[in-house]
Amino acid sequence: MHRREGTCAKNATIGGVAGFARSLIRRVRHEDEIAALRRRVARLERRLRELEGGEHIAPGDMVWIFGAGRTGSTWLGRMMGGLPGYGFWNEPLIGYMFGHLYYNRGEYLHGSRGFLLGGDRKTWLPPMRRYILDAASAKFPRVARNSWRLVIKEPHGSVGAPLIMEALPESRMVLLIRDPRDVVASRLDARRPGGWARKRRRYDEVGDEDAFVRELARAFLREMLPAKEAYERHGGAKVLVRYEELRADALGTMRRVYEELGLPVDGDALRRVVKEHAWENIPEEEKGPGRIRRKAKPGGWREDLSRDQARAVEKIAASFIEEFYAAAP
């Protein structure tokens, strides 16, 4: 009798433990499902903020300035970013990070599933898009919070312009161009003894200046041609701006920029920023040879480059000059 009672008690204990274990398993599964649902809701909320342009900067509120260095991108970017309701992101080099990796380092790896930017583009373009939007929103919370627009100056990241515009097709794009002979002359001046780039980055002496001019012309194309490709492929709002037009009529050109981008602009505010950033209003001691603000003179290359140097640039950038500057005086 006692043995039977003991066996029943033991079985009851085992049954109780088993029942408790089953309920615990159900509870764990239930909690896992709740956690999964919460993660899904959080993702949907982030996506909703992105679409609404609330705490996340919306892609359509981004204005990318692509081209090449020394084309006036700082001038244009600061004018656009200086308007009420705008922020200004100066050279994040996002395009360089992705573009250099994809086009230069990964040239032979595009078909590889193991390569970060390899295989099906659908596997890495969406994460690239989220990274750009998250980074922009984190760095410019005031822009995100107030649903402002963000102007992004990215000349040295233009190698990645096609990827960025493919990942963010709603974004607006400015292709800023300048006569490559003037660009080369400006970059050459920056690297000469006493030049701002030489001081800032501690470059070595140029050495063979004619050979360096040829390398500068090739560097111009490495930045400008991907930007031009992105502009031609982009199906959203875009505008082509010549530095020479901006220099001749800054206010009129800026009005055209906003019209073609489909962005409203306050006329008084636009006149204010154009005047504020005008070449004539820059103190004399802050401009001139060797300085970042050097000359602002279209066609000044005739005074800065030798005949052989000008011909070298014209040979290397022949197709670009023929397309955009063949009729230049």
Protein backbone atom coordinates (compact mmCIF):
# COMPACT_ATOMS: atom_id res chain seq x y z
CA MET A 1 0.00 0.00 0.00
CA HIS A 2 2.71 2.41 0.97
CA ARG A 3 4.71 1.45 -2.13
CA ARG A 4 1.68 2.18 -4.35
CA GLU A 5 1.07 5.54 -2.73
CA GLY A 6 4.72 6.40 -3.18
CA THR A 7 4.57 5.44 -6.84
CA CYS A 8 1.48 7.60 -7.40
CA ALA A 9 3.11 10.53 -5.67
CA LYS A 10 6.21 10.08 -7.81
CA ASN A 11 4.15 9.90 -10.99
CA ALA A 12 2.22 12.99 -9.94
CA THR A 13 5.48 14.84 -9.38
CA ILE A 14 6.82 13.78 -12.77
CA GLY A 15 3.54 14.77 -14.41
CA GLY A 16 3.61 18.14 -12.72
CA VAL A 17 7.16 18.79 -13.87
CA ALA A 18 6.28 17.70 -17.40
CA GLY A 19 3.24 19.95 -17.45
CA PHE A 20 5.24 22.86 -16.15
CA ALA A 21 7.86 22.18 -18.82
CA ARG A 22 5.21 22.13 -21.56
CA SER A 23 3.68 25.40 -20.36
CA LEU A 24 7.16 26.92 -20.17
CA ILE A 25 7.87 25.85 -23.74
CA ARG A 26 4.56 27.36 -24.88
CA ARG A 27 5.36 30.55 -22.99
CA VAL A 28 8.84 30.79 -24.53
CA ARG A 29 7.44 30.22 -27.98
CA HIS A 30 4.76 32.81 -27.31
CA GLU A 31 7.33 35.33 -26.10
CA ASP A 32 9.53 34.62 -29.13
CA GLU A 33 6.57 35.29 -31.40
CA ILE A 34 5.84 38.53 -29.56
CA ALA A 35 9.49 39.57 -29.87
CA ALA A 36 9.45 38.78 -33.59
CA LEU A 37 6.27 40.81 -34.04
CA ARG A 38 7.78 43.71 -32.14
CA ARG A 39 10.85 43.66 -34.39
CA ARG A 40 8.62 43.60 -37.45
CA VAL A 41 6.56 46.53 -36.16
CA ALA A 42 9.76 48.47 -35.46
CA ARG A 43 10.93 47.89 -39.03
CA LEU A 44 7.58 49.02 -40.39
CA GLU A 45 7.65 52.13 -38.20
CA ARG A 46 11.14 53.01 -39.47
CA ARG A 47 9.96 52.53 -43.04
CA LEU A 48 6.91 54.69 -42.38
CA ARG A 49 9.08 57.48 -40.96
CA GLU A 50 11.27 57.21 -44.04
CA LEU A 51 8.31 57.53 -46.40
CA GLU A 52 6.79 60.38 -44.43
CA GLY A 53 10.10 62.19 -44.02
CA GLY A 54 9.58 62.45 -40.27
CA GLU A 55 12.47 61.37 -38.09
CA HIS A 56 14.10 59.91 -41.16
CA ILE A 57 15.29 62.01 -44.09
CA ALA A 58 13.25 60.98 -47.11
CA PRO A 59 15.16 60.14 -50.32
CA GLY A 60 13.10 62.71 -52.22
CA ASP A 61 14.41 65.41 -49.88
CA MET A 62 18.02 64.71 -50.88
CA VAL A 63 19.76 66.84 -53.52
CA TRP A 64 23.06 65.35 -54.70
CA ILE A 65 25.74 67.50 -56.36
CA PHE A 66 28.03 65.34 -58.49
CA GLY A 67 30.82 66.25 -60.89
CA ALA A 68 34.51 66.77 -60.19
CA GLY A 69 36.57 68.70 -57.68
CA ARG A 70 37.30 72.38 -58.41
CA THR A 71 34.12 72.89 -60.42
CA GLY A 72 32.46 75.29 -57.96
CA SER A 73 30.64 72.61 -55.99
CA THR A 74 31.40 74.25 -52.63
CA TRP A 75 30.00 77.54 -53.87
CA LEU A 76 26.85 75.94 -55.28
CA GLY A 77 26.39 73.64 -52.28
CA ARG A 78 26.68 76.41 -49.72
CA MET A 79 24.21 78.60 -51.60
CA MET A 80 21.65 75.79 -51.81
CA GLY A 81 22.29 74.60 -48.28
CA GLY A 82 22.10 78.14 -46.93
CA LEU A 83 18.43 78.57 -47.75
CA PRO A 84 15.78 78.22 -45.01
CA GLY A 85 14.62 74.63 -44.67
CA TYR A 86 17.86 73.15 -46.02
CA GLY A 87 20.89 71.40 -44.58
CA PHE A 88 24.32 70.99 -46.18
CA TRP A 89 26.40 67.79 -46.09
CA ASN A 90 29.93 68.55 -47.27
CA GLU A 91 31.68 65.63 -49.00
CA PRO A 92 30.61 62.53 -47.05
CA LEU A 93 32.52 60.40 -49.61
CA ILE A 94 29.76 57.79 -49.58
CA GLY A 95 30.12 57.55 -53.33
CA TYR A 96 33.83 56.95 -53.05
CA MET A 97 33.37 54.23 -50.45
CA PHE A 98 30.88 52.22 -52.51
CA GLY A 99 32.06 53.26 -55.96
CA HIS A 100 35.76 52.60 -55.38
CA LEU A 101 34.95 49.21 -53.89
CA TYR A 102 32.53 48.24 -56.66
CA TYR A 103 34.17 49.66 -59.80
CA ASN A 104 37.86 49.62 -58.91
CA ARG A 105 38.54 46.98 -56.27
CA GLY A 106 35.73 44.60 -57.21
CA GLU A 107 36.10 44.70 -60.97
CA TYR A 108 36.56 40.93 -61.23
CA LEU A 109 34.28 39.99 -58.34
CA HIS A 110 30.87 41.27 -59.46
CA GLY A 111 29.60 37.76 -60.13
CA SER A 112 30.86 36.42 -56.81
CA ARG A 113 28.24 35.75 -54.14
CA GLY A 114 30.88 36.17 -51.47
CA PHE A 115 31.87 39.69 -52.52
CA LEU A 116 30.04 42.33 -50.47
CA LEU A 117 28.72 44.07 -53.59
CA GLY A 118 28.64 40.94 -55.74
CA GLY A 119 25.89 38.73 -57.07
CA ASP A 120 22.29 39.86 -57.37
CA ARG A 121 22.12 43.64 -56.89
CA LYS A 122 18.84 43.19 -55.00
CA THR A 123 20.81 41.66 -52.14
CA TRP A 124 22.99 44.72 -51.49
CA LEU A 125 21.36 47.81 -53.04
CA PRO A 126 18.56 47.97 -50.40
CA PRO A 127 21.05 47.75 -47.48
CA MET A 128 23.16 50.41 -49.20
CA ARG A 129 20.07 52.60 -49.45
CA ARG A 130 19.27 52.12 -45.75
CA TYR A 131 22.85 52.86 -44.75
CA ILE A 132 22.85 56.20 -46.60
CA LEU A 133 19.48 57.23 -45.18
CA ASP A 134 20.37 56.15 -41.64
CA ALA A 135 23.74 57.94 -41.77
CA ALA A 136 22.21 61.14 -43.13
CA SER A 137 19.43 61.14 -40.53
CA ALA A 138 21.85 60.46 -37.67
CA LYS A 139 24.22 63.23 -38.73
CA PHE A 140 21.47 65.75 -39.44
CA PRO A 141 18.73 65.09 -36.87
CA ARG A 142 17.39 68.64 -37.18
CA VAL A 143 16.91 68.17 -40.92
CA ALA A 144 15.18 64.82 -40.33
CA ARG A 145 13.03 66.12 -37.47
CA ASN A 146 11.77 69.13 -39.43
CA SER A 147 11.45 67.35 -42.81
CA TRP A 148 13.94 69.72 -44.39
CA ARG A 149 15.88 69.02 -47.56
CA LEU A 150 19.52 67.98 -47.50
CA VAL A 151 22.02 69.18 -50.11
CA ILE A 152 24.91 66.75 -50.46
CA LYS A 153 28.10 67.95 -52.13
CA GLU A 154 29.88 64.82 -53.38
CA PRO A 155 32.36 65.63 -56.21
CA HIS A 156 35.09 63.34 -54.89
CA GLY A 157 32.52 60.59 -54.46
CA SER A 158 31.27 60.85 -58.02
CA VAL A 159 32.81 57.50 -58.90
CA GLY A 160 29.85 55.99 -57.03
CA ALA A 161 27.20 58.33 -58.42
CA PRO A 162 25.56 55.63 -60.61
CA LEU A 163 25.17 53.33 -57.60
CA ILE A 164 23.81 56.06 -55.32
CA MET A 165 21.24 57.25 -57.82
CA GLU A 166 20.17 53.66 -58.52
CA ALA A 167 19.74 53.04 -54.80
CA LEU A 168 17.91 56.36 -54.28
CA PRO A 169 15.96 56.97 -57.50
CA GLU A 170 13.64 59.45 -55.75
CA SER A 171 16.56 61.77 -54.99
CA ARG A 172 17.27 64.90 -56.99
CA MET A 173 20.57 65.30 -58.82
CA VAL A 174 22.73 68.21 -59.95
CA LEU A 175 25.47 67.52 -62.50
CA LEU A 176 27.95 70.39 -62.18
CA ILE A 177 30.48 70.71 -65.01
CA ARG A 178 33.38 73.04 -65.79
CA ASP A 179 35.91 73.35 -68.58
CA PRO A 180 38.51 70.66 -67.75
CA ARG A 181 41.33 73.03 -68.69
CA ASP A 182 40.24 75.43 -65.95
CA VAL A 183 39.83 72.52 -63.52
CA VAL A 184 43.36 71.29 -64.22
CA ALA A 185 44.78 74.81 -63.91
CA SER A 186 43.08 75.21 -60.51
CA ARG A 187 44.30 71.84 -59.22
CA LEU A 188 47.82 72.53 -60.48
CA ASP A 189 47.91 75.85 -58.64
CA ALA A 190 46.79 74.12 -55.43
CA ARG A 191 49.74 71.71 -55.58
CA ARG A 192 52.44 74.22 -56.38
CA PRO A 193 54.69 75.51 -53.56
CA GLY A 194 52.55 77.69 -51.28
CA GLY A 195 49.31 76.22 -52.64
CA TRP A 196 46.51 75.40 -50.23
CA ALA A 197 46.42 71.67 -51.02
CA ARG A 198 50.19 71.37 -50.66
CA LYS A 199 50.02 73.00 -47.22
CA ARG A 200 46.99 71.11 -46.01
CA ARG A 201 47.88 67.60 -47.15
CA ARG A 202 51.66 67.84 -47.22
CA TYR A 203 51.99 66.68 -50.80
CA ASP A 204 55.41 66.11 -52.30
CA GLU A 205 56.73 68.42 -54.98
CA VAL A 206 55.00 68.06 -58.32
CA GLY A 207 58.21 67.22 -60.20
CA ASP A 208 57.48 66.87 -63.92
CA GLU A 209 54.69 69.41 -64.23
CA ASP A 210 53.64 68.39 -67.74
CA ALA A 211 53.25 64.76 -66.67
CA PHE A 212 51.30 65.91 -63.62
CA VAL A 213 48.95 67.93 -65.84
CA ARG A 214 48.17 64.78 -67.82
CA GLU A 215 47.41 62.89 -64.59
CA LEU A 216 45.13 65.72 -63.43
CA ALA A 217 43.21 65.52 -66.70
CA ARG A 218 42.73 61.77 -66.25
CA ALA A 219 41.64 62.33 -62.65
CA PHE A 220 39.03 64.82 -63.89
CA LEU A 221 37.54 62.16 -66.16
CA ARG A 222 37.57 59.52 -63.40
CA GLU A 223 35.25 61.76 -61.39
CA MET A 224 33.23 63.43 -64.13
CA LEU A 225 32.35 60.52 -66.41
CA PRO A 226 30.60 58.38 -63.73
CA ALA A 227 28.67 61.48 -62.66
CA LYS A 228 27.64 62.08 -66.27
CA GLU A 229 26.58 58.43 -66.59
CA ALA A 230 24.46 58.71 -63.43
CA TYR A 231 22.86 61.88 -64.76
CA GLU A 232 21.96 60.29 -68.08
CA ARG A 233 20.47 57.21 -66.40
CA HIS A 234 18.61 59.01 -63.61
CA GLY A 235 14.87 59.07 -64.19
CA GLY A 236 14.07 61.52 -61.41
CA ALA A 237 14.44 65.28 -61.08
CA LYS A 238 17.82 66.48 -62.32
CA VAL A 239 19.57 69.53 -63.72
CA LEU A 240 22.81 70.19 -65.59
CA VAL A 241 24.71 73.27 -64.42
CA ARG A 242 27.77 74.80 -66.05
CA TYR A 243 30.14 76.65 -63.75
CA GLU A 244 30.48 79.28 -66.46
CA GLU A 245 26.71 79.95 -66.40
CA LEU A 246 26.71 80.11 -62.63
CA ARG A 247 29.56 82.62 -62.72
CA ALA A 248 27.91 84.79 -65.37
CA ASP A 249 24.44 84.86 -63.79
CA ALA A 250 24.31 83.19 -60.40
CA LEU A 251 20.78 84.30 -59.50
CA GLY A 252 19.26 83.35 -62.84
CA THR A 253 21.03 80.00 -62.88
CA MET A 254 19.94 79.23 -59.34
CA ARG A 255 16.33 79.99 -60.25
CA ARG A 256 16.60 77.52 -63.14
CA VAL A 257 18.13 74.90 -60.83
CA TYR A 258 15.17 75.02 -58.46
CA GLU A 259 12.66 75.08 -61.30
CA GLU A 260 14.13 71.99 -63.01
CA LEU A 261 14.48 70.15 -59.71
CA GLY A 262 10.84 70.88 -58.92
CA LEU A 263 11.67 72.63 -55.66
CA PRO A 264 9.89 75.75 -54.41
CA VAL A 265 12.17 78.62 -53.45
CA ASP A 266 11.64 81.97 -51.79
CA GLY A 267 12.91 84.70 -54.12
CA ASP A 268 14.13 87.02 -51.35
CA ALA A 269 15.99 84.22 -49.58
CA LEU A 270 17.59 83.15 -52.86
CA ARG A 271 18.80 86.66 -53.59
CA ARG A 272 20.23 86.85 -50.08
CA VAL A 273 22.32 83.68 -50.29
CA VAL A 274 23.53 84.48 -53.82
CA LYS A 275 24.71 87.89 -52.65
CA GLU A 276 26.23 86.47 -49.48
CA HIS A 277 28.36 83.99 -51.44
CA ALA A 278 29.21 86.23 -54.39
CA TRP A 279 32.87 86.35 -55.46
CA GLU A 280 32.86 90.12 -55.08
CA ASN A 281 31.91 89.83 -51.40
CA ILE A 282 34.81 87.54 -50.49
CA PRO A 283 37.54 89.52 -48.67
CA GLU A 284 40.56 90.14 -50.91
CA GLU A 285 42.94 88.47 -48.46
CA GLU A 286 40.96 85.23 -48.76
CA LYS A 287 41.30 84.81 -52.52
CA GLY A 288 44.01 84.70 -55.12
CA PRO A 289 46.82 82.37 -56.29
CA GLY A 290 47.51 79.48 -53.91
CA ARG A 291 44.18 79.88 -52.10
CA ILE A 292 41.04 77.76 -52.30
CA ARG A 293 39.20 80.70 -53.83
CA ARG A 294 41.67 81.40 -56.55
CA LYS A 295 40.41 83.10 -59.69
CA ALA A 296 36.77 82.37 -60.57
CA LYS A 297 37.54 83.31 -64.17
CA PRO A 298 36.20 81.06 -66.93
CA GLY A 299 38.86 80.65 -69.58
CA GLY A 300 41.61 81.59 -67.15
CA TRP A 301 43.47 78.44 -68.20
CA ARG A 302 44.89 80.42 -71.12
CA GLU A 303 46.94 82.39 -68.62
CA ASP A 304 47.77 79.44 -66.36
CA LEU A 305 48.68 76.56 -68.66
CA SER A 306 51.39 76.39 -71.28
CA ARG A 307 50.37 75.61 -74.84
CA ASP A 308 51.63 72.04 -74.50
CA GLN A 309 49.80 71.57 -71.20
CA ALA A 310 46.52 72.86 -72.65
CA ARG A 311 46.88 70.56 -75.65
CA ALA A 312 47.54 67.59 -73.37
CA VAL A 313 44.31 68.24 -71.46
CA GLU A 314 42.41 68.73 -74.71
CA LYS A 315 43.68 65.41 -76.03
CA ILE A 316 42.80 63.42 -72.89
CA ALA A 317 39.38 65.07 -72.35
CA ALA A 318 38.62 65.49 -76.05
CA SER A 319 35.15 63.92 -76.04
CA PHE A 320 34.02 65.89 -72.98
CA ILE A 321 35.30 69.19 -74.39
CA GLU A 322 33.71 68.48 -77.76
CA GLU A 323 30.35 67.74 -76.15
CA PHE A 324 30.21 70.68 -73.77
CA TYR A 325 32.89 73.24 -74.65
CA ALA A 326 33.58 72.98 -78.38
CA ALA A 327 31.96 76.38 -78.95
CA ALA A 328 33.71 78.06 -76.00
CA PRO A 329 35.49 81.28 -77.01
